[in-house]
Amino acid sequence: MAKNVRIELDHGGMDALLKRKSVQNMCERIAKRIAATAAANDPKHESGPIEYFVHSKVGRGRAFAWVSSRHPMGGHLESKHRPLGKATRAARG
């Protein structure tokens, strides 16, 4: 027979955990893997290869990272071929 269990989160501890440098590093490693996968699967186009940049920071609630491109065709190619979307899906496993 199941017993009633009560779990109480330490919100301050969770907040501190999500803002740790190690969590930021983990997010950055995943973002680098996404950028590398997107670059490796770069669709062929006349404007040259797309260079992806990884950024990370600790925000108000947690550490996070993201991947961007400054390529003039980056937005168009993402909407048509989804190199970052596919790389993100692949990174999830």
PDB file of N, CA and C in Angstrom:
ATOM      1  N   MET A   1       0.830  -1.167   0.000  1.00  0.00           N
ATOM      2  CA  MET A   1       0.000   0.000   0.000  1.00  0.00           C
ATOM      3  C   MET A   1       0.885   1.244   0.000  1.00  0.00           C
ATOM      4  N   ALA A   2       0.542   2.196  -0.845  1.00  0.00           N
ATOM      5  CA  ALA A   2       1.334   3.419  -0.988  1.00  0.00           C
ATOM      6  C   ALA A   2       1.123   4.336   0.206  1.00  0.00           C
ATOM      7  N   LYS A   3       2.214   4.963   0.604  1.00  0.00           N
ATOM      8  CA  LYS A   3       2.133   5.936   1.689  1.00  0.00           C
ATOM      9  C   LYS A   3       2.142   7.333   1.075  1.00  0.00           C
ATOM     10  N   ASN A   4       1.512   8.250   1.764  1.00  0.00           N
ATOM     11  CA  ASN A   4       1.540   9.634   1.304  1.00  0.00           C
ATOM     12  C   ASN A   4       2.943  10.192   1.492  1.00  0.00           C
ATOM     13  N   VAL A   5       3.453  10.800   0.449  1.00  0.00           N
ATOM     14  CA  VAL A   5       4.786  11.381   0.495  1.00  0.00           C
ATOM     15  C   VAL A   5       4.665  12.852   0.148  1.00  0.00           C
ATOM     16  N   ARG A   6       5.338  13.651   0.907  1.00  0.00           N
ATOM     17  CA  ARG A   6       5.343  15.091   0.640  1.00  0.00           C
ATOM     18  C   ARG A   6       6.770  15.509   0.313  1.00  0.00           C
ATOM     19  N   ILE A   7       6.905  16.188  -0.820  1.00  0.00           N
ATOM     20  CA  ILE A   7       8.215  16.679  -1.246  1.00  0.00           C
ATOM     21  C   ILE A   7       8.160  18.193  -1.229  1.00  0.00           C
ATOM     22  N   GLU A   8       9.148  18.779  -0.589  1.00  0.00           N
ATOM     23  CA  GLU A   8       9.216  20.226  -0.523  1.00  0.00           C
ATOM     24  C   GLU A   8      10.539  20.675  -1.138  1.00  0.00           C
ATOM     25  N   LEU A   9      10.437  21.469  -2.191  1.00  0.00           N
ATOM     26  CA  LEU A   9      11.637  21.938  -2.875  1.00  0.00           C
ATOM     27  C   LEU A   9      12.267  23.110  -2.134  1.00  0.00           C
ATOM     28  N   ASP A  10      13.571  23.120  -2.142  1.00  0.00           N
ATOM     29  CA  ASP A  10      14.324  24.257  -1.620  1.00  0.00           C
ATOM     30  C   ASP A  10      14.498  25.223  -2.790  1.00  0.00           C
ATOM     31  N   HIS A  11      13.601  26.191  -2.893  1.00  0.00           N
ATOM     32  CA  HIS A  11      13.597  27.085  -4.048  1.00  0.00           C
ATOM     33  C   HIS A  11      14.892  27.879  -4.167  1.00  0.00           C
ATOM     34  N   GLY A  12      15.446  28.301  -3.062  1.00  0.00           N
ATOM     35  CA  GLY A  12      16.716  29.021  -3.098  1.00  0.00           C
ATOM     36  C   GLY A  12      17.838  28.130  -3.606  1.00  0.00           C
ATOM     37  N   GLY A  13      17.825  26.872  -3.183  1.00  0.00           N
ATOM     38  CA  GLY A  13      18.832  25.923  -3.646  1.00  0.00           C
ATOM     39  C   GLY A  13      18.697  25.615  -5.120  1.00  0.00           C
ATOM     40  N   MET A  14      17.454  25.451  -5.603  1.00  0.00           N
ATOM     41  CA  MET A  14      17.220  25.200  -7.025  1.00  0.00           C
ATOM     42  C   MET A  14      17.656  26.407  -7.860  1.00  0.00           C
ATOM     43  N   ASP A  15      17.356  27.598  -7.358  1.00  0.00           N
ATOM     44  CA  ASP A  15      17.754  28.821  -8.048  1.00  0.00           C
ATOM     45  C   ASP A  15      19.275  28.890  -8.169  1.00  0.00           C
ATOM     46  N   ALA A  16      19.959  28.588  -7.070  1.00  0.00           N
ATOM     47  CA  ALA A  16      21.425  28.605  -7.085  1.00  0.00           C
ATOM     48  C   ALA A  16      21.983  27.533  -8.021  1.00  0.00           C
ATOM     49  N   LEU A  17      21.369  26.361  -8.030  1.00  0.00           N
ATOM     50  CA  LEU A  17      21.823  25.274  -8.893  1.00  0.00           C
ATOM     51  C   LEU A  17      21.709  25.658 -10.369  1.00  0.00           C
ATOM     52  N   LEU A  18      20.566  26.226 -10.761  1.00  0.00           N
ATOM     53  CA  LEU A  18      20.332  26.571 -12.165  1.00  0.00           C
ATOM     54  C   LEU A  18      21.205  27.723 -12.651  1.00  0.00           C
ATOM     55  N   LYS A  19      21.793  28.470 -11.730  1.00  0.00           N
ATOM     56  CA  LYS A  19      22.652  29.593 -12.100  1.00  0.00           C
ATOM     57  C   LYS A  19      24.142  29.269 -11.988  1.00  0.00           C
ATOM     58  N   ARG A  20      24.469  28.022 -11.691  1.00  0.00           N
ATOM     59  CA  ARG A  20      25.877  27.648 -11.525  1.00  0.00           C
ATOM     60  C   ARG A  20      26.632  27.698 -12.842  1.00  0.00           C
ATOM     61  N   LYS A  21      27.935  27.975 -12.733  1.00  0.00           N
ATOM     62  CA  LYS A  21      28.804  28.006 -13.915  1.00  0.00           C
ATOM     63  C   LYS A  21      28.819  26.643 -14.605  1.00  0.00           C
ATOM     64  N   SER A  22      28.725  25.564 -13.837  1.00  0.00           N
ATOM     65  CA  SER A  22      28.734  24.226 -14.444  1.00  0.00           C
ATOM     66  C   SER A  22      27.501  24.003 -15.321  1.00  0.00           C
ATOM     67  N   VAL A  23      26.362  24.563 -14.936  1.00  0.00           N
ATOM     68  CA  VAL A  23      25.152  24.453 -15.760  1.00  0.00           C
ATOM     69  C   VAL A  23      25.315  25.294 -17.020  1.00  0.00           C
ATOM     70  N   GLN A  24      25.894  26.478 -16.878  1.00  0.00           N
ATOM     71  CA  GLN A  24      26.160  27.312 -18.043  1.00  0.00           C
ATOM     72  C   GLN A  24      27.110  26.595 -19.002  1.00  0.00           C
ATOM     73  N   ASN A  25      28.153  25.952 -18.465  1.00  0.00           N
ATOM     74  CA  ASN A  25      29.100  25.206 -19.304  1.00  0.00           C
ATOM     75  C   ASN A  25      28.413  24.050 -20.027  1.00  0.00           C
ATOM     76  N   MET A  26      27.512  23.353 -19.337  1.00  0.00           N
ATOM     77  CA  MET A  26      26.782  22.248 -19.953  1.00  0.00           C
ATOM     78  C   MET A  26      25.917  22.764 -21.112  1.00  0.00           C
ATOM     79  N   CYS A  27      25.220  23.868 -20.891  1.00  0.00           N
ATOM     80  CA  CYS A  27      24.393  24.465 -21.944  1.00  0.00           C
ATOM     81  C   CYS A  27      25.261  24.880 -23.134  1.00  0.00           C
ATOM     82  N   GLU A  28      26.426  25.429 -22.839  1.00  0.00           N
ATOM     83  CA  GLU A  28      27.330  25.865 -23.897  1.00  0.00           C
ATOM     84  C   GLU A  28      27.862  24.679 -24.705  1.00  0.00           C
ATOM     85  N   ARG A  29      28.175  23.575 -24.031  1.00  0.00           N
ATOM     86  CA  ARG A  29      28.632  22.373 -24.742  1.00  0.00           C
ATOM     87  C   ARG A  29      27.556  21.860 -25.703  1.00  0.00           C
ATOM     88  N   ILE A  30      26.324  21.838 -25.249  1.00  0.00           N
ATOM     89  CA  ILE A  30      25.227  21.382 -26.101  1.00  0.00           C
ATOM     90  C   ILE A  30      25.045  22.338 -27.279  1.00  0.00           C
ATOM     91  N   ALA A  31      25.119  23.648 -27.023  1.00  0.00           N
ATOM     92  CA  ALA A  31      24.976  24.635 -28.088  1.00  0.00           C
ATOM     93  C   ALA A  31      26.105  24.503 -29.119  1.00  0.00           C
ATOM     94  N   LYS A  32      27.316  24.210 -28.669  1.00  0.00           N
ATOM     95  CA  LYS A  32      28.437  24.008 -29.597  1.00  0.00           C
ATOM     96  C   LYS A  32      28.198  22.779 -30.469  1.00  0.00           C
ATOM     97  N   ARG A  33      27.640  21.739 -29.877  1.00  0.00           N
ATOM     98  CA  ARG A  33      27.315  20.539 -30.649  1.00  0.00           C
ATOM     99  C   ARG A  33      26.240  20.845 -31.694  1.00  0.00           C
ATOM    100  N   ILE A  34      25.250  21.644 -31.318  1.00  0.00           N
ATOM    101  CA  ILE A  34      24.204  22.043 -32.258  1.00  0.00           C
ATOM    102  C   ILE A  34      24.805  22.869 -33.396  1.00  0.00           C
ATOM    103  N   ALA A  35      25.673  23.826 -33.067  1.00  0.00           N
ATOM    104  CA  ALA A  35      26.298  24.664 -34.100  1.00  0.00           C
ATOM    105  C   ALA A  35      27.146  23.824 -35.050  1.00  0.00           C
ATOM    106  N   ALA A  36      27.899  22.878 -34.508  1.00  0.00           N
ATOM    107  CA  ALA A  36      28.749  22.026 -35.351  1.00  0.00           C
ATOM    108  C   ALA A  36      27.903  21.149 -36.274  1.00  0.00           C
ATOM    109  N   THR A  37      26.815  20.601 -35.755  1.00  0.00           N
ATOM    110  CA  THR A  37      25.931  19.763 -36.564  1.00  0.00           C
ATOM    111  C   THR A  37      25.274  20.587 -37.670  1.00  0.00           C
ATOM    112  N   ALA A  38      24.827  21.793 -37.324  1.00  0.00           N
ATOM    113  CA  ALA A  38      24.196  22.658 -38.333  1.00  0.00           C
ATOM    114  C   ALA A  38      25.211  23.040 -39.409  1.00  0.00           C
ATOM    115  N   ALA A  39      26.439  23.346 -39.023  1.00  0.00           N
ATOM    116  CA  ALA A  39      27.472  23.715 -39.997  1.00  0.00           C
ATOM    117  C   ALA A  39      27.819  22.530 -40.893  1.00  0.00           C
ATOM    118  N   ALA A  40      27.864  21.341 -40.319  1.00  0.00           N
ATOM    119  CA  ALA A  40      28.195  20.142 -41.104  1.00  0.00           C
ATOM    120  C   ALA A  40      27.094  19.816 -42.116  1.00  0.00           C
ATOM    121  N   ASN A  41      25.859  20.157 -41.798  1.00  0.00           N
ATOM    122  CA  ASN A  41      24.721  19.880 -42.688  1.00  0.00           C
ATOM    123  C   ASN A  41      24.267  21.127 -43.431  1.00  0.00           C
ATOM    124  N   ASP A  42      25.175  22.080 -43.578  1.00  0.00           N
ATOM    125  CA  ASP A  42      24.870  23.342 -44.231  1.00  0.00           C
ATOM    126  C   ASP A  42      24.384  23.102 -45.656  1.00  0.00           C
ATOM    127  N   PRO A  43      23.196  23.580 -46.000  1.00  0.00           N
ATOM    128  CA  PRO A  43      22.716  23.390 -47.375  1.00  0.00           C
ATOM    129  C   PRO A  43      23.599  24.160 -48.356  1.00  0.00           C
ATOM    130  N   LYS A  44      23.788  23.610 -49.526  1.00  0.00           N
ATOM    131  CA  LYS A  44      24.625  24.256 -50.545  1.00  0.00           C
ATOM    132  C   LYS A  44      23.884  25.463 -51.121  1.00  0.00           C
ATOM    133  N   HIS A  45      24.556  26.597 -51.126  1.00  0.00           N
ATOM    134  CA  HIS A  45      23.977  27.806 -51.676  1.00  0.00           C
ATOM    135  C   HIS A  45      25.107  28.704 -52.162  1.00  0.00           C
ATOM    136  N   GLU A  46      24.757  29.658 -52.984  1.00  0.00           N
ATOM    137  CA  GLU A  46      25.768  30.482 -53.642  1.00  0.00           C
ATOM    138  C   GLU A  46      26.415  31.529 -52.736  1.00  0.00           C
ATOM    139  N   SER A  47      25.851  31.816 -51.601  1.00  0.00           N
ATOM    140  CA  SER A  47      26.381  32.883 -50.745  1.00  0.00           C
ATOM    141  C   SER A  47      27.451  32.395 -49.769  1.00  0.00           C
ATOM    142  N   GLY A  48      27.893  31.165 -49.879  1.00  0.00           N
ATOM    143  CA  GLY A  48      28.982  30.662 -49.035  1.00  0.00           C
ATOM    144  C   GLY A  48      28.488  29.992 -47.772  1.00  0.00           C
ATOM    145  N   PRO A  49      29.411  29.377 -47.050  1.00  0.00           N
ATOM    146  CA  PRO A  49      29.011  28.637 -45.846  1.00  0.00           C
ATOM    147  C   PRO A  49      28.525  29.570 -44.731  1.00  0.00           C
ATOM    148  N   ILE A  50      27.660  29.040 -43.921  1.00  0.00           N
ATOM    149  CA  ILE A  50      27.133  29.805 -42.792  1.00  0.00           C
ATOM    150  C   ILE A  50      28.005  29.543 -41.573  1.00  0.00           C
ATOM    151  N   GLU A  51      28.396  30.601 -40.901  1.00  0.00           N
ATOM    152  CA  GLU A  51      29.158  30.468 -39.659  1.00  0.00           C
ATOM    153  C   GLU A  51      28.187  30.659 -38.496  1.00  0.00           C
ATOM    154  N   TYR A  52      28.230  29.724 -37.557  1.00  0.00           N
ATOM    155  CA  TYR A  52      27.339  29.778 -36.398  1.00  0.00           C
ATOM    156  C   TYR A  52      28.134  30.199 -35.169  1.00  0.00           C
ATOM    157  N   PHE A  53      27.509  30.975 -34.314  1.00  0.00           N
ATOM    158  CA  PHE A  53      28.138  31.493 -33.104  1.00  0.00           C
ATOM    159  C   PHE A  53      27.369  30.998 -31.883  1.00  0.00           C
ATOM    160  N   VAL A  54      28.100  30.633 -30.857  1.00  0.00           N
ATOM    161  CA  VAL A  54      27.495  30.156 -29.605  1.00  0.00           C
ATOM    162  C   VAL A  54      27.637  31.252 -28.558  1.00  0.00           C
ATOM    163  N   HIS A  55      26.551  31.523 -27.869  1.00  0.00           N
ATOM    164  CA  HIS A  55      26.520  32.519 -26.800  1.00  0.00           C
ATOM    165  C   HIS A  55      25.960  31.843 -25.553  1.00  0.00           C
ATOM    166  N   SER A  56      26.396  32.285 -24.397  1.00  0.00           N
ATOM    167  CA  SER A  56      25.801  31.765 -23.154  1.00  0.00           C
ATOM    168  C   SER A  56      25.858  32.852 -22.092  1.00  0.00           C
ATOM    169  N   LYS A  57      24.944  32.746 -21.150  1.00  0.00           N
ATOM    170  CA  LYS A  57      24.929  33.697 -20.040  1.00  0.00           C
ATOM    171  C   LYS A  57      24.046  33.162 -18.925  1.00  0.00           C
ATOM    172  N   VAL A  58      24.140  33.794 -17.790  1.00  0.00           N
ATOM    173  CA  VAL A  58      23.267  33.483 -16.666  1.00  0.00           C
ATOM    174  C   VAL A  58      22.242  34.600 -16.591  1.00  0.00           C
ATOM    175  N   GLY A  59      20.986  34.229 -16.787  1.00  0.00           N
ATOM    176  CA  GLY A  59      19.909  35.207 -16.754  1.00  0.00           C
ATOM    177  C   GLY A  59      19.308  35.317 -15.355  1.00  0.00           C
ATOM    178  N   ARG A  60      18.141  35.904 -15.276  1.00  0.00           N
ATOM    179  CA  ARG A  60      17.479  36.067 -13.977  1.00  0.00           C
ATOM    180  C   ARG A  60      17.156  34.731 -13.328  1.00  0.00           C
ATOM    181  N   GLY A  61      16.701  33.778 -14.132  1.00  0.00           N
ATOM    182  CA  GLY A  61      16.238  32.528 -13.555  1.00  0.00           C
ATOM    183  C   GLY A  61      17.173  31.349 -13.714  1.00  0.00           C
ATOM    184  N   ARG A  62      18.064  31.394 -14.709  1.00  0.00           N
ATOM    185  CA  ARG A  62      18.914  30.232 -14.978  1.00  0.00           C
ATOM    186  C   ARG A  62      19.988  30.578 -15.987  1.00  0.00           C
ATOM    187  N   ALA A  63      20.933  29.656 -16.103  1.00  0.00           N
ATOM    188  CA  ALA A  63      21.953  29.755 -17.143  1.00  0.00           C
ATOM    189  C   ALA A  63      21.362  29.197 -18.439  1.00  0.00           C
ATOM    190  N   PHE A  64      21.769  29.764 -19.566  1.00  0.00           N
ATOM    191  CA  PHE A  64      21.287  29.261 -20.841  1.00  0.00           C
ATOM    192  C   PHE A  64      22.281  29.605 -21.942  1.00  0.00           C
ATOM    193  N   ALA A  65      22.100  28.987 -23.096  1.00  0.00           N
ATOM    194  CA  ALA A  65      22.953  29.231 -24.258  1.00  0.00           C
ATOM    195  C   ALA A  65      22.094  29.224 -25.509  1.00  0.00           C
ATOM    196  N   TRP A  66      22.595  29.880 -26.551  1.00  0.00           N
ATOM    197  CA  TRP A  66      21.889  29.880 -27.818  1.00  0.00           C
ATOM    198  C   TRP A  66      22.887  29.964 -28.968  1.00  0.00           C
ATOM    199  N   VAL A  67      22.407  29.616 -30.150  1.00  0.00           N
ATOM    200  CA  VAL A  67      23.228  29.601 -31.356  1.00  0.00           C
ATOM    201  C   VAL A  67      22.644  30.619 -32.323  1.00  0.00           C
ATOM    202  N   SER A  68      23.522  31.405 -32.948  1.00  0.00           N
ATOM    203  CA  SER A  68      23.048  32.389 -33.918  1.00  0.00           C
ATOM    204  C   SER A  68      23.967  32.409 -35.135  1.00  0.00           C
ATOM    205  N   SER A  69      23.506  33.097 -36.157  1.00  0.00           N
ATOM    206  CA  SER A  69      24.288  33.284 -37.369  1.00  0.00           C
ATOM    207  C   SER A  69      24.120  34.720 -37.819  1.00  0.00           C
ATOM    208  N   ARG A  70      25.205  35.316 -38.288  1.00  0.00           N
ATOM    209  CA  ARG A  70      25.116  36.681 -38.814  1.00  0.00           C
ATOM    210  C   ARG A  70      25.094  36.677 -40.349  1.00  0.00           C
ATOM    211  N   HIS A  71      24.923  35.510 -40.910  1.00  0.00           N
ATOM    212  CA  HIS A  71      24.917  35.376 -42.365  1.00  0.00           C
ATOM    213  C   HIS A  71      23.671  36.054 -42.922  1.00  0.00           C
ATOM    214  N   PRO A  72      23.802  36.822 -44.015  1.00  0.00           N
ATOM    215  CA  PRO A  72      22.628  37.512 -44.554  1.00  0.00           C
ATOM    216  C   PRO A  72      21.517  36.570 -45.016  1.00  0.00           C
ATOM    217  N   MET A  73      21.871  35.349 -45.372  1.00  0.00           N
ATOM    218  CA  MET A  73      20.861  34.383 -45.821  1.00  0.00           C
ATOM    219  C   MET A  73      20.448  33.421 -44.701  1.00  0.00           C
ATOM    220  N   GLY A  74      20.969  33.631 -43.498  1.00  0.00           N
ATOM    221  CA  GLY A  74      20.720  32.705 -42.400  1.00  0.00           C
ATOM    222  C   GLY A  74      19.250  32.478 -42.102  1.00  0.00           C
ATOM    223  N   GLY A  75      18.496  33.558 -42.015  1.00  0.00           N
ATOM    224  CA  GLY A  75      17.063  33.437 -41.725  1.00  0.00           C
ATOM    225  C   GLY A  75      16.309  32.712 -42.828  1.00  0.00           C
ATOM    226  N   HIS A  76      16.622  33.050 -44.064  1.00  0.00           N
ATOM    227  CA  HIS A  76      15.963  32.399 -45.202  1.00  0.00           C
ATOM    228  C   HIS A  76      16.292  30.905 -45.235  1.00  0.00           C
ATOM    229  N   LEU A  77      17.576  30.577 -45.068  1.00  0.00           N
ATOM    230  CA  LEU A  77      17.975  29.167 -45.108  1.00  0.00           C
ATOM    231  C   LEU A  77      17.388  28.382 -43.941  1.00  0.00           C
ATOM    232  N   GLU A  78      17.266  29.027 -42.777  1.00  0.00           N
ATOM    233  CA  GLU A  78      16.651  28.342 -41.632  1.00  0.00           C
ATOM    234  C   GLU A  78      15.180  28.051 -41.918  1.00  0.00           C
ATOM    235  N   SER A  79      14.488  29.016 -42.521  1.00  0.00           N
ATOM    236  CA  SER A  79      13.067  28.790 -42.808  1.00  0.00           C
ATOM    237  C   SER A  79      12.863  27.745 -43.910  1.00  0.00           C
ATOM    238  N   LYS A  80      13.820  27.637 -44.836  1.00  0.00           N
ATOM    239  CA  LYS A  80      13.669  26.707 -45.945  1.00  0.00           C
ATOM    240  C   LYS A  80      14.227  25.317 -45.626  1.00  0.00           C
ATOM    241  N   HIS A  81      15.432  25.250 -45.017  1.00  0.00           N
ATOM    242  CA  HIS A  81      16.105  23.966 -44.800  1.00  0.00           C
ATOM    243  C   HIS A  81      16.201  23.545 -43.327  1.00  0.00           C
ATOM    244  N   ARG A  82      16.010  24.479 -42.405  1.00  0.00           N
ATOM    245  CA  ARG A  82      16.015  24.233 -40.959  1.00  0.00           C
ATOM    246  C   ARG A  82      17.281  23.560 -40.428  1.00  0.00           C
ATOM    247  N   PRO A  83      18.481  24.048 -40.780  1.00  0.00           N
ATOM    248  CA  PRO A  83      19.692  23.410 -40.269  1.00  0.00           C
ATOM    249  C   PRO A  83      19.797  23.483 -38.749  1.00  0.00           C
ATOM    250  N   LEU A  84      19.421  24.607 -38.143  1.00  0.00           N
ATOM    251  CA  LEU A  84      19.479  24.707 -36.676  1.00  0.00           C
ATOM    252  C   LEU A  84      18.374  23.901 -36.024  1.00  0.00           C
ATOM    253  N   GLY A  85      17.191  23.927 -36.594  1.00  0.00           N
ATOM    254  CA  GLY A  85      16.090  23.135 -36.042  1.00  0.00           C
ATOM    255  C   GLY A  85      16.389  21.650 -36.059  1.00  0.00           C
ATOM    256  N   LYS A  86      16.949  21.175 -37.176  1.00  0.00           N
ATOM    257  CA  LYS A  86      17.305  19.756 -37.278  1.00  0.00           C
ATOM    258  C   LYS A  86      18.448  19.403 -36.332  1.00  0.00           C
ATOM    259  N   ALA A  87      19.418  20.306 -36.205  1.00  0.00           N
ATOM    260  CA  ALA A  87      20.546  20.041 -35.304  1.00  0.00           C
ATOM    261  C   ALA A  87      20.078  20.022 -33.845  1.00  0.00           C
ATOM    262  N   THR A  88      19.133  20.886 -33.508  1.00  0.00           N
ATOM    263  CA  THR A  88      18.595  20.892 -32.146  1.00  0.00           C
ATOM    264  C   THR A  88      17.842  19.604 -31.859  1.00  0.00           C
ATOM    265  N   ARG A  89      17.053  19.159 -32.812  1.00  0.00           N
ATOM    266  CA  ARG A  89      16.327  17.890 -32.654  1.00  0.00           C
ATOM    267  C   ARG A  89      17.306  16.730 -32.488  1.00  0.00           C
ATOM    268  N   ALA A  90      18.386  16.727 -33.272  1.00  0.00           N
ATOM    269  CA  ALA A  90      19.383  15.661 -33.180  1.00  0.00           C
ATOM    270  C   ALA A  90      20.101  15.682 -31.824  1.00  0.00           C
ATOM    271  N   ALA A  91      20.308  16.872 -31.270  1.00  0.00           N
ATOM    272  CA  ALA A  91      21.000  16.991 -29.982  1.00  0.00           C
ATOM    273  C   ALA A  91      20.158  16.446 -28.831  1.00  0.00           C
ATOM    274  N   ARG A  92      18.858  16.434 -29.007  1.00  0.00           N
ATOM    275  CA  ARG A  92      17.967  15.905 -27.958  1.00  0.00           C
ATOM    276  C   ARG A  92      18.069  14.392 -27.845  1.00  0.00           C
ATOM    277  N   GLY A  93      18.498  13.760 -28.929  1.00  0.00           N
ATOM    278  CA  GLY A  93      18.699  12.309 -28.884  1.00  0.00           C
ATOM    279  C   GLY A  93      17.558  11.490 -29.226  1.00  0.00           C
TER     280      GLY A  93
END
